[in-house]
Amino acid sequence: MPASLVNELKRIAVKNHFLDISEEIRSLLREKYLSYNDPYSSELEKIRKNITKITMPEKIDALKQDLKKLLEGLDELK
């Protein structure tokens, strides 16, 4: 195995909290097997992640508007 590949696997293994590169390789193989076994599930997971990224700013904006309304209500009570 090329040294650059080993170094990259070691870096990724540390990032993913694995003890050594064999665990990282098993994890990568498992992911690839599952994506080939059921290709639509991996695509659906990507879509779900994108949807949560899209909806988060909308939720933050809605929360900001609700907080503004609450602050206005508090100002009226004074």
C-alpha atoms as a PDB file:
ATOM      1  CA  MET A   1       0.000   0.000   0.000  1.00  0.00           C
ATOM      2  CA  PRO A   2       1.427   3.435  -0.871  1.00  0.00           C
ATOM      3  CA  ALA A   3       2.693   5.470   2.074  1.00  0.00           C
ATOM      4  CA  SER A   4       0.462   8.419   1.148  1.00  0.00           C
ATOM      5  CA  LEU A   5      -2.611   6.174   1.320  1.00  0.00           C
ATOM      6  CA  VAL A   6      -1.558   4.802   4.706  1.00  0.00           C
ATOM      7  CA  ASN A   7      -0.991   8.329   6.025  1.00  0.00           C
ATOM      8  CA  GLU A   8      -4.381   9.474   4.761  1.00  0.00           C
ATOM      9  CA  LEU A   9      -6.122   6.453   6.309  1.00  0.00           C
ATOM     10  CA  LYS A  10      -4.361   7.131   9.622  1.00  0.00           C
ATOM     11  CA  ARG A  11      -5.511  10.760   9.524  1.00  0.00           C
ATOM     12  CA  ILE A  12      -9.103   9.785   8.773  1.00  0.00           C
ATOM     13  CA  ALA A  13      -9.033   7.035  11.416  1.00  0.00           C
ATOM     14  CA  VAL A  14      -8.002   9.561  14.068  1.00  0.00           C
ATOM     15  CA  LYS A  15     -10.703  11.969  12.872  1.00  0.00           C
ATOM     16  CA  ASN A  16     -13.357   9.235  13.108  1.00  0.00           C
ATOM     17  CA  HIS A  17     -12.082   8.059  16.513  1.00  0.00           C
ATOM     18  CA  PHE A  18     -10.904   4.648  15.321  1.00  0.00           C
ATOM     19  CA  LEU A  19      -7.965   2.921  16.968  1.00  0.00           C
ATOM     20  CA  ASP A  20      -6.206   1.906  13.752  1.00  0.00           C
ATOM     21  CA  ILE A  21      -6.575   1.948   9.986  1.00  0.00           C
ATOM     22  CA  SER A  22      -8.118  -1.528   9.818  1.00  0.00           C
ATOM     23  CA  GLU A  23     -11.241  -0.181  11.554  1.00  0.00           C
ATOM     24  CA  GLU A  24     -11.330   2.721   9.117  1.00  0.00           C
ATOM     25  CA  ILE A  25     -11.030   0.360   6.146  1.00  0.00           C
ATOM     26  CA  ARG A  26     -13.859  -1.828   7.487  1.00  0.00           C
ATOM     27  CA  SER A  27     -15.998   1.258   7.977  1.00  0.00           C
ATOM     28  CA  LEU A  28     -15.351   2.468   4.428  1.00  0.00           C
ATOM     29  CA  LEU A  29     -16.075  -0.959   2.990  1.00  0.00           C
ATOM     30  CA  ARG A  30     -19.298  -1.206   4.999  1.00  0.00           C
ATOM     31  CA  GLU A  31     -20.439   2.199   3.705  1.00  0.00           C
ATOM     32  CA  LYS A  32     -19.641   1.256   0.104  1.00  0.00           C
ATOM     33  CA  TYR A  33     -21.377  -2.120   0.458  1.00  0.00           C
ATOM     34  CA  LEU A  34     -24.512  -0.504   1.842  1.00  0.00           C
ATOM     35  CA  SER A  35     -24.530   2.135  -0.889  1.00  0.00           C
ATOM     36  CA  TYR A  36     -24.199  -0.521  -3.607  1.00  0.00           C
ATOM     37  CA  ASN A  37     -26.668  -2.839  -1.922  1.00  0.00           C
ATOM     38  CA  ASP A  38     -29.360  -0.153  -1.683  1.00  0.00           C
ATOM     39  CA  PRO A  39     -28.316   2.866  -3.778  1.00  0.00           C
ATOM     40  CA  TYR A  40     -31.477   4.832  -3.080  1.00  0.00           C
ATOM     41  CA  SER A  41     -31.031   4.883   0.685  1.00  0.00           C
ATOM     42  CA  SER A  42     -27.703   6.709   0.444  1.00  0.00           C
ATOM     43  CA  GLU A  43     -29.216   9.240  -1.952  1.00  0.00           C
ATOM     44  CA  LEU A  44     -32.158   9.749   0.401  1.00  0.00           C
ATOM     45  CA  GLU A  45     -29.778  10.325   3.293  1.00  0.00           C
ATOM     46  CA  LYS A  46     -27.965  13.017   1.293  1.00  0.00           C
ATOM     47  CA  ILE A  47     -31.296  14.683   0.523  1.00  0.00           C
ATOM     48  CA  ARG A  48     -32.301  14.569   4.208  1.00  0.00           C
ATOM     49  CA  LYS A  49     -29.040  16.249   5.215  1.00  0.00           C
ATOM     50  CA  ASN A  50     -29.527  18.957   2.601  1.00  0.00           C
ATOM     51  CA  ILE A  51     -33.087  19.584   3.760  1.00  0.00           C
ATOM     52  CA  THR A  52     -31.986  20.082   7.363  1.00  0.00           C
ATOM     53  CA  LYS A  53     -29.351  22.565   6.191  1.00  0.00           C
ATOM     54  CA  ILE A  54     -31.976  24.454   4.207  1.00  0.00           C
ATOM     55  CA  THR A  55     -34.616  24.538   6.924  1.00  0.00           C
ATOM     56  CA  MET A  56     -32.304  25.624   9.730  1.00  0.00           C
ATOM     57  CA  PRO A  57     -32.001  29.273   8.574  1.00  0.00           C
ATOM     58  CA  GLU A  58     -35.782  29.406   8.167  1.00  0.00           C
ATOM     59  CA  LYS A  59     -36.240  28.132  11.708  1.00  0.00           C
ATOM     60  CA  ILE A  60     -33.761  30.697  13.004  1.00  0.00           C
ATOM     61  CA  ASP A  61     -35.602  33.506  11.204  1.00  0.00           C
ATOM     62  CA  ALA A  62     -38.921  32.315  12.640  1.00  0.00           C
ATOM     63  CA  LEU A  63     -37.385  32.203  16.116  1.00  0.00           C
ATOM     64  CA  LYS A  64     -36.037  35.745  15.701  1.00  0.00           C
ATOM     65  CA  GLN A  65     -39.498  36.990  14.703  1.00  0.00           C
ATOM     66  CA  ASP A  66     -41.086  35.287  17.712  1.00  0.00           C
ATOM     67  CA  LEU A  67     -38.505  36.848  20.028  1.00  0.00           C
ATOM     68  CA  LYS A  68     -39.161  40.291  18.540  1.00  0.00           C
ATOM     69  CA  LYS A  69     -42.889  39.842  19.182  1.00  0.00           C
ATOM     70  CA  LEU A  70     -42.207  38.808  22.775  1.00  0.00           C
ATOM     71  CA  LEU A  71     -39.938  41.823  23.348  1.00  0.00           C
ATOM     72  CA  GLU A  72     -42.580  44.132  21.881  1.00  0.00           C
ATOM     73  CA  GLY A  73     -45.139  42.566  24.205  1.00  0.00           C
ATOM     74  CA  LEU A  74     -42.853  43.190  27.180  1.00  0.00           C
ATOM     75  CA  ASP A  75     -42.366  46.821  26.152  1.00  0.00           C
ATOM     76  CA  GLU A  76     -46.154  47.266  26.051  1.00  0.00           C
ATOM     77  CA  LEU A  77     -46.455  45.899  29.589  1.00  0.00           C
ATOM     78  CA  LYS A  78     -44.049  48.540  30.977  1.00  0.00           C
END
